[in-house]
Protein backbone atom coordinates (compact mmCIF):
# COMPACT_ATOMS: atom_id res chain seq x y z
CA MET A 1 139.13 -90.14 212.96
CA TYR A 2 137.42 -87.03 212.05
CA GLN A 3 138.40 -87.11 209.00
CA GLU A 4 137.02 -91.51 208.61
CA LEU A 5 133.83 -89.72 210.23
CA LEU A 6 133.86 -87.27 207.17
CA LEU A 7 134.33 -89.78 204.75
CA LYS A 8 132.23 -92.24 206.08
CA GLU A 9 129.47 -89.85 206.14
CA ILE A 10 130.35 -88.81 202.03
CA ARG A 11 130.14 -92.05 201.19
CA ARG A 12 126.61 -92.59 202.64
CA LYS A 13 125.91 -89.66 200.26
CA ILE A 14 127.17 -90.73 197.49
CA GLY A 15 126.32 -94.48 197.12
CA ALA A 16 127.78 -96.41 194.67
CA GLN A 17 129.73 -93.35 193.34
CA SER A 18 133.25 -93.76 193.21
CA LEU A 19 134.58 -91.69 196.19
CA ASN A 20 138.00 -91.03 195.29
CA ASP A 21 136.38 -89.33 191.74
CA GLU A 22 134.07 -87.08 194.11
CA ILE A 23 137.07 -86.22 196.46
CA ALA A 24 139.46 -85.52 193.65
CA ASN A 25 136.52 -83.25 191.80
CA ILE A 26 135.39 -81.00 194.61
CA LEU A 27 138.95 -80.19 195.64
CA ASN A 28 140.83 -79.78 192.38
CA ILE A 29 142.87 -82.32 193.40
CA SER A 30 144.57 -85.56 191.04
CA TYR A 31 143.16 -89.11 192.15
CA ASP A 32 146.13 -89.91 193.86
CA ALA A 33 146.14 -86.87 196.44
CA ALA A 34 142.74 -87.67 196.31
CA HIS A 35 143.17 -91.57 197.20
CA ARG A 36 145.96 -90.65 199.87
CA ARG A 37 142.84 -88.89 202.09
CA THR A 38 140.76 -91.56 201.47
CA SER A 39 143.50 -94.09 202.53
CA LEU A 40 144.26 -92.23 205.70
CA LYS A 41 147.71 -91.47 204.52
CA ALA A 42 147.08 -87.92 204.12
CA LYS A 43 145.03 -85.85 206.22
CA PHE A 44 142.57 -82.66 204.37
CA SER A 45 143.41 -79.12 205.28
CA PHE A 46 140.82 -77.63 207.02
CA GLU A 47 139.61 -75.66 204.20
CA GLU A 48 139.46 -79.27 202.41
CA ALA A 49 137.40 -80.62 205.19
CA LEU A 50 134.92 -77.27 205.43
CA GLU A 51 134.23 -77.92 201.26
CA LEU A 52 133.44 -80.90 201.38
CA ALA A 53 131.26 -80.73 204.36
CA LYS A 54 129.59 -77.12 202.05
CA TYR A 55 129.24 -79.36 199.27
CA TYR A 56 127.50 -82.80 200.37
CA GLN A 57 125.71 -80.51 203.38
CA ILE A 58 127.22 -82.48 206.67
CA SER A 59 126.62 -80.96 209.69
CA LEU A 60 129.82 -80.23 211.35
CA ASN A 61 128.21 -80.94 214.79
CA GLN A 62 128.77 -83.95 214.52
CA PHE A 63 132.47 -83.63 215.08
CA ILE A 64 132.02 -82.04 218.25
CA THR A 65 132.38 -83.39 221.29
CA SER A 66 129.85 -81.63 223.51
CA ASP A 67 126.15 -82.50 222.82
CA ARG A 68 125.43 -78.90 223.88
CA GLN A 69 126.91 -77.14 220.91
CA LEU A 70 126.32 -76.51 217.78
CA VAL A 71 126.95 -75.40 214.51
CA VAL A 72 124.87 -73.44 213.05
CA GLN A 73 123.77 -71.03 209.47
CA LYS A 74 122.74 -67.57 209.62
CA THR A 75 120.61 -65.72 206.19
CA THR A 76 122.11 -62.40 205.00
CA VAL A 77 121.54 -59.65 207.28
CA VAL A 78 117.97 -57.80 205.43
CA ASP A 79 118.48 -54.33 206.93
CA LYS A 80 118.08 -52.74 203.30
CA THR A 81 114.79 -53.22 200.70
CA GLU A 82 117.64 -53.90 197.99
CA ASP A 83 118.47 -56.57 200.40
CA LEU A 84 114.88 -58.76 200.27
CA GLN A 85 116.79 -60.05 196.87
CA SER A 86 119.78 -61.70 197.83
CA PHE A 87 116.73 -62.39 201.31
CA PHE A 88 114.50 -64.81 198.57
CA GLN A 89 117.46 -66.14 196.15
CA ASN A 90 119.57 -67.61 199.76
CA ASN A 91 115.23 -69.41 200.44
CA LEU A 92 115.49 -70.83 197.33
CA SER A 93 119.48 -71.99 197.41
CA ILE A 94 117.68 -73.74 201.02
CA PHE A 95 115.27 -76.09 198.81
CA GLU A 96 117.69 -76.76 195.90
CA ASN A 97 119.88 -77.93 198.49
CA LEU A 98 117.25 -80.13 200.38
CA PRO A 99 117.12 -83.79 199.15
CA LEU A 100 112.70 -82.91 197.71
CA SER A 101 110.79 -85.64 197.18
CA ASP A 102 107.85 -87.02 198.60
CA GLU A 103 108.98 -88.07 201.53
CA MET A 104 109.86 -83.97 202.02
CA THR A 105 107.65 -82.24 204.91
CA VAL A 106 107.92 -78.26 205.64
CA TYR A 107 106.03 -78.36 208.97
CA TYR A 108 105.46 -74.30 210.00
CA SER A 109 104.61 -73.00 213.25
CA ALA A 110 101.92 -70.03 212.30
CA LYS A 111 102.54 -67.80 214.56
CA ASP A 112 102.15 -64.78 211.38
CA ILE A 113 100.58 -64.98 207.62
CA PRO A 114 103.48 -68.19 206.74
CA PHE A 115 105.68 -65.61 204.67
CA PHE A 116 105.98 -67.89 201.19
CA TYR A 117 102.37 -67.49 200.72
CA THR A 118 102.63 -63.24 200.56
CA LEU A 119 104.99 -63.78 197.97
CA SER A 120 102.98 -62.01 194.97
CA ASP A 121 102.44 -59.35 192.77
CA THR A 122 99.42 -57.60 194.94
CA LEU A 123 98.88 -54.64 197.29
CA LEU A 124 99.21 -56.53 200.00
CA SER A 125 102.54 -58.42 199.14
CA ARG A 126 103.79 -54.91 198.60
CA PHE A 127 101.90 -53.70 202.14
CA LYS A 128 104.08 -56.48 203.57
CA ILE A 129 107.45 -55.90 202.42
CA TYR A 130 106.67 -52.35 203.60
CA VAL A 131 106.16 -53.32 207.27
CA TRP A 132 108.73 -54.97 207.35
CA MET A 133 111.30 -52.84 206.26
CA ASN A 134 109.82 -50.09 208.43
CA LEU A 135 110.35 -52.15 211.63
CA LEU A 136 114.26 -53.78 210.05
CA ASN A 137 115.50 -50.56 209.73
CA ALA A 138 116.21 -47.88 212.71
CA LYS A 139 116.84 -45.23 209.84
CA GLN A 140 113.74 -45.87 207.51
CA VAL A 141 112.06 -42.82 207.38
CA PHE A 142 108.64 -43.54 207.45
CA ILE A 143 106.85 -42.27 204.06
CA PRO A 144 102.99 -43.03 203.01
CA PHE A 145 102.12 -46.11 201.59
CA LEU A 146 101.50 -44.92 198.20
CA GLN A 147 105.11 -44.01 197.31
CA PHE A 148 107.16 -47.26 198.74
CA SER A 149 107.83 -48.92 195.16
CA PRO A 150 110.46 -51.86 196.27
CA PRO A 151 112.67 -53.63 193.08
CA TYR A 152 111.42 -56.11 191.28
CA PHE A 153 112.25 -59.37 191.74
CA GLU A 154 108.87 -60.98 191.11
CA SER A 155 109.85 -64.11 189.22
CA ASN A 156 112.68 -65.42 192.23
CA THR A 157 109.03 -64.71 195.01
CA GLN A 158 106.78 -66.75 192.93
CA GLU A 159 108.94 -69.59 192.58
CA LEU A 160 109.67 -69.78 196.02
CA ARG A 161 106.28 -69.83 196.47
CA LYS A 162 105.93 -73.05 194.16
CA LYS A 163 108.67 -75.13 195.71
CA TYR A 164 107.04 -74.46 198.95
CA GLU A 165 103.15 -75.35 198.04
CA ASP A 166 104.82 -78.47 195.59
CA GLN A 167 105.93 -79.81 199.22
CA ASN A 168 103.71 -82.24 201.72
CA VAL A 169 102.59 -79.46 204.42
CA VAL A 170 101.84 -79.15 207.44
CA GLU A 171 100.90 -75.98 209.11
CA LEU A 172 99.85 -75.12 212.79
CA TRP A 173 97.64 -72.03 212.79
CA ASN A 174 94.90 -70.29 215.33
CA ASP A 175 92.49 -67.57 214.93
CA ARG A 176 94.96 -65.18 216.14
CA THR A 177 97.51 -66.11 213.58
CA ILE A 178 96.52 -62.94 211.48
CA SER A 179 96.48 -60.70 214.23
CA SER A 180 99.47 -59.12 213.43
CA ILE A 181 98.87 -57.50 209.81
CA LEU A 182 95.70 -56.56 210.77
CA GLN A 183 97.16 -54.79 213.93
CA GLN A 184 99.73 -52.77 210.73
CA ILE A 185 96.54 -51.80 209.25
CA LEU A 186 95.16 -49.83 211.30
CA PHE A 187 98.13 -49.09 212.93
CA TYR A 188 99.46 -47.62 209.33
CA PHE A 189 95.80 -46.07 208.89
CA ASP A 190 95.36 -43.91 211.99
CA THR A 191 99.07 -42.86 211.36
CA GLY A 192 97.09 -41.55 208.00
CA LEU A 193 100.41 -43.16 206.13
CA LEU A 194 98.35 -45.60 204.62
CA GLN A 195 95.61 -44.41 203.30
CA LYS A 196 91.11 -45.69 203.43
CA ASN A 197 91.02 -46.84 199.25
CA GLU A 198 94.28 -48.29 199.97
CA ALA A 199 93.06 -50.08 202.83
CA GLY A 200 90.23 -51.72 201.65
CA ILE A 201 92.37 -53.22 198.78
CA ILE A 202 95.21 -54.90 201.54
CA LEU A 203 92.19 -56.25 203.45
CA LYS A 204 89.94 -57.58 200.25
CA GLU A 205 93.48 -59.21 199.27
CA LEU A 206 93.83 -60.71 202.37
CA GLU A 207 89.92 -62.14 202.90
CA GLU A 208 90.54 -63.91 198.93
CA LEU A 209 94.43 -65.39 200.48
CA ILE A 210 92.41 -66.93 203.53
CA LYS A 211 89.68 -67.92 201.40
CA TYR A 212 92.10 -69.70 199.39
CA ILE A 213 94.25 -71.48 202.83
CA GLU A 214 90.30 -72.76 203.37
CA GLN A 215 90.03 -73.87 199.95
CA LYS A 216 93.10 -75.48 199.76
CA THR A 217 92.26 -77.85 203.02
CA GLU A 218 89.66 -79.12 201.70
CA SER A 219 90.76 -80.36 198.61
CA ASN A 220 94.28 -80.28 198.54
CA LEU A 221 96.33 -83.87 199.88
CA LYS A 222 99.43 -82.74 200.39
CA PHE A 223 98.38 -79.70 202.41
CA HIS A 224 97.25 -80.46 206.09
CA LEU A 225 96.61 -77.45 208.77
CA TYR A 226 95.70 -77.64 212.27
CA GLU A 227 94.83 -75.29 214.31
CA ASN A 228 96.50 -75.06 217.71
CA GLU A 229 94.99 -73.09 220.71
CA LEU A 230 97.08 -74.53 223.43
CA MET A 231 100.23 -73.03 222.80
CA HIS A 232 102.02 -69.78 221.39
CA LEU A 233 103.67 -70.75 217.95
CA SER A 234 106.38 -69.07 217.25
CA ASN A 235 107.45 -69.17 212.86
CA ASP A 236 109.66 -72.20 213.33
CA ILE A 237 109.79 -73.68 209.81
CA PHE A 238 111.00 -77.26 209.82
CA PHE A 239 111.88 -79.35 206.75
CA HIS A 240 112.43 -83.31 207.60
CA HIS A 241 112.90 -85.40 205.49
CA PRO A 242 114.85 -88.77 206.37
CA GLN A 243 118.19 -88.02 204.59
CA GLN A 244 118.75 -84.12 205.61
CA SER A 245 116.31 -82.32 207.58
CA LEU A 246 116.59 -78.03 208.31
CA PHE A 247 115.35 -76.05 211.01
CA ALA A 248 114.67 -72.64 210.70
CA ILE A 249 114.70 -70.40 213.87
CA PRO A 250 113.57 -66.58 213.24
CA ILE A 251 115.63 -64.14 214.79
CA ASN A 252 113.89 -61.32 213.08
CA MET A 253 111.42 -60.79 210.52
CA PHE A 254 114.01 -61.49 207.50
CA GLY A 255 116.48 -62.90 209.33
CA TYR A 256 116.83 -67.09 210.07
CA ILE A 257 119.20 -69.21 212.16
CA LEU A 258 119.82 -73.06 210.28
CA ILE A 259 120.36 -75.90 212.14
CA ASN A 260 121.18 -79.02 210.24
CA ASP A 261 122.28 -81.19 213.20
CA ALA A 262 120.47 -84.42 213.30
CA LYS A 263 119.84 -85.14 217.01
CA THR A 264 118.41 -81.73 217.23
CA CYS A 265 115.86 -81.79 213.90
CA SER A 266 114.89 -85.11 215.26
CA GLU A 267 113.75 -83.82 217.95
CA THR A 268 112.60 -80.68 216.52
CA ARG A 269 110.25 -83.57 214.22
CA ASN A 270 108.82 -84.88 217.73
CA TYR A 271 107.99 -81.94 219.19
CA PHE A 272 105.93 -80.61 215.90
CA GLU A 273 104.37 -83.83 216.30
CA HIS A 274 103.59 -83.75 220.15
CA GLN A 275 102.09 -80.28 218.90
CA ILE A 276 100.33 -81.90 216.41
CA LYS A 277 98.42 -84.58 218.91
CA ASN A 278 97.38 -81.84 220.86
CA SER A 279 96.15 -79.96 217.73
CA LYS A 280 92.63 -79.60 216.17
CA SER A 281 93.02 -81.18 212.35
CA LEU A 282 90.88 -79.39 210.26
CA ASN A 283 91.27 -81.23 206.98
CA THR A 284 89.44 -84.11 208.61
CA SER A 285 87.65 -82.24 211.32
CA GLY A 286 84.83 -82.00 209.22
CA ASN A 287 82.73 -78.43 207.73
CA ARG A 288 81.52 -76.99 210.66
CA ASP A 289 84.51 -77.20 212.67
CA ARG A 290 86.77 -76.04 209.19
CA LYS A 291 84.04 -72.99 208.78
CA ILE A 292 83.95 -72.52 212.64
CA PHE A 293 87.82 -71.22 212.61
CA PHE A 294 88.39 -70.05 209.23
CA ASN A 295 84.30 -67.71 209.76
CA LYS A 296 87.08 -66.21 213.15
CA MET A 297 88.84 -65.03 211.04
CA TYR A 298 86.69 -63.52 208.49
CA ASN A 299 84.70 -61.44 211.36
CA GLN A 300 87.95 -60.19 212.83
CA ILE A 301 88.68 -58.72 208.58
CA GLU A 302 85.22 -57.55 208.56
CA SER A 303 85.37 -55.82 212.70
CA LEU A 304 88.38 -53.90 211.23
CA LYS A 305 86.85 -52.87 207.93
CA GLN A 306 83.60 -51.23 210.11
CA LYS A 307 86.61 -49.73 212.57
CA MET A 308 88.12 -47.75 209.75
CA ILE A 309 85.04 -47.42 208.19
CA LEU A 310 85.24 -49.10 204.33
C-alpha cells in the first residue's frame, strides 16, 4: 500500500515523463529493475524509498497512520560564526527546492524585522550577526563590536535576499517589530561594547531600511504588509504553493523546524489568512494609516537616539 502511494505521488510530480526511466535514473538501477518496482513485483528498499521521497520533496507524513505524528526536518545547528555559511546555503536550497512561480506566496509573521532584509553589506547587518552569535553560543567571549569580523558570505546573502523579495510576500508586523533590535543596540551601548559612533550609523541604517519597506508598501504590487495589533507575532515563515508548501517554525535565531505535510500546511495557510482578516492592510488603507504606522517606528528610533544622546 505504501509503495503504491509513493508511486502515485511521483507520477503526479513527473506528469507525462516515463516513470520507469525516472526511477531507474534516480536509483541508478536498470530499466527492468525499475519496472519490477513500479509494477509492484518488487519492493523498494527502505533506502530507495527515502531517496525517492527526498528527490521529489515528498512528505513522509502521509505514510504515517496517525494524524498526530509528523516527520519533520531541522536546519543545521549554528553555534559559531563559521556555521552561518551553511545556514545561508541551506536557505537558498529551500528556495531552489520549492516550485517558485507566480503561484508562490511567502507569509512572514514578523516578531522581529525579517532577517532577509538585514542580509547586506551594512553595519546593521554586521551588528545583527554579532548579536546572534553572542546569543547562540554560550562560550562566546563578549568582544567589542568594532573587533568583530564575520566571514565573507555576501554573495550567498545577496542571492537569498533577492530570492525572497522576488516572491509574492505577505508580512504581518506591529509597532513592536523593531523593539528587539532597538533593545539590542541599547544593551551593547550601555555595556560599552558598542560605541556611540557605531550606534549612530546602525540606527541611521535601520531608519533607511524602514523607509525602504514603507516605499515598498506604497509601490510594490508583489509585497503586502499588514498591521496586526491583536496577536503575538512569531517569526514563522510559510511558503505556500498549490503543488508543494513548506512551514518553517523557528527554534532559535538560526534554527528552524521544517514541515511539508499537506494537512499541516493547509491548516497553516488558513491560520495566516485568519490573522490577515484581523489585520489592517497598509497597502490599501491609505496614506494616513500608513504614515501613522511607520511614524511609530521612526519615533522609537528617534527616542533611542535621544536616550543615547546621539
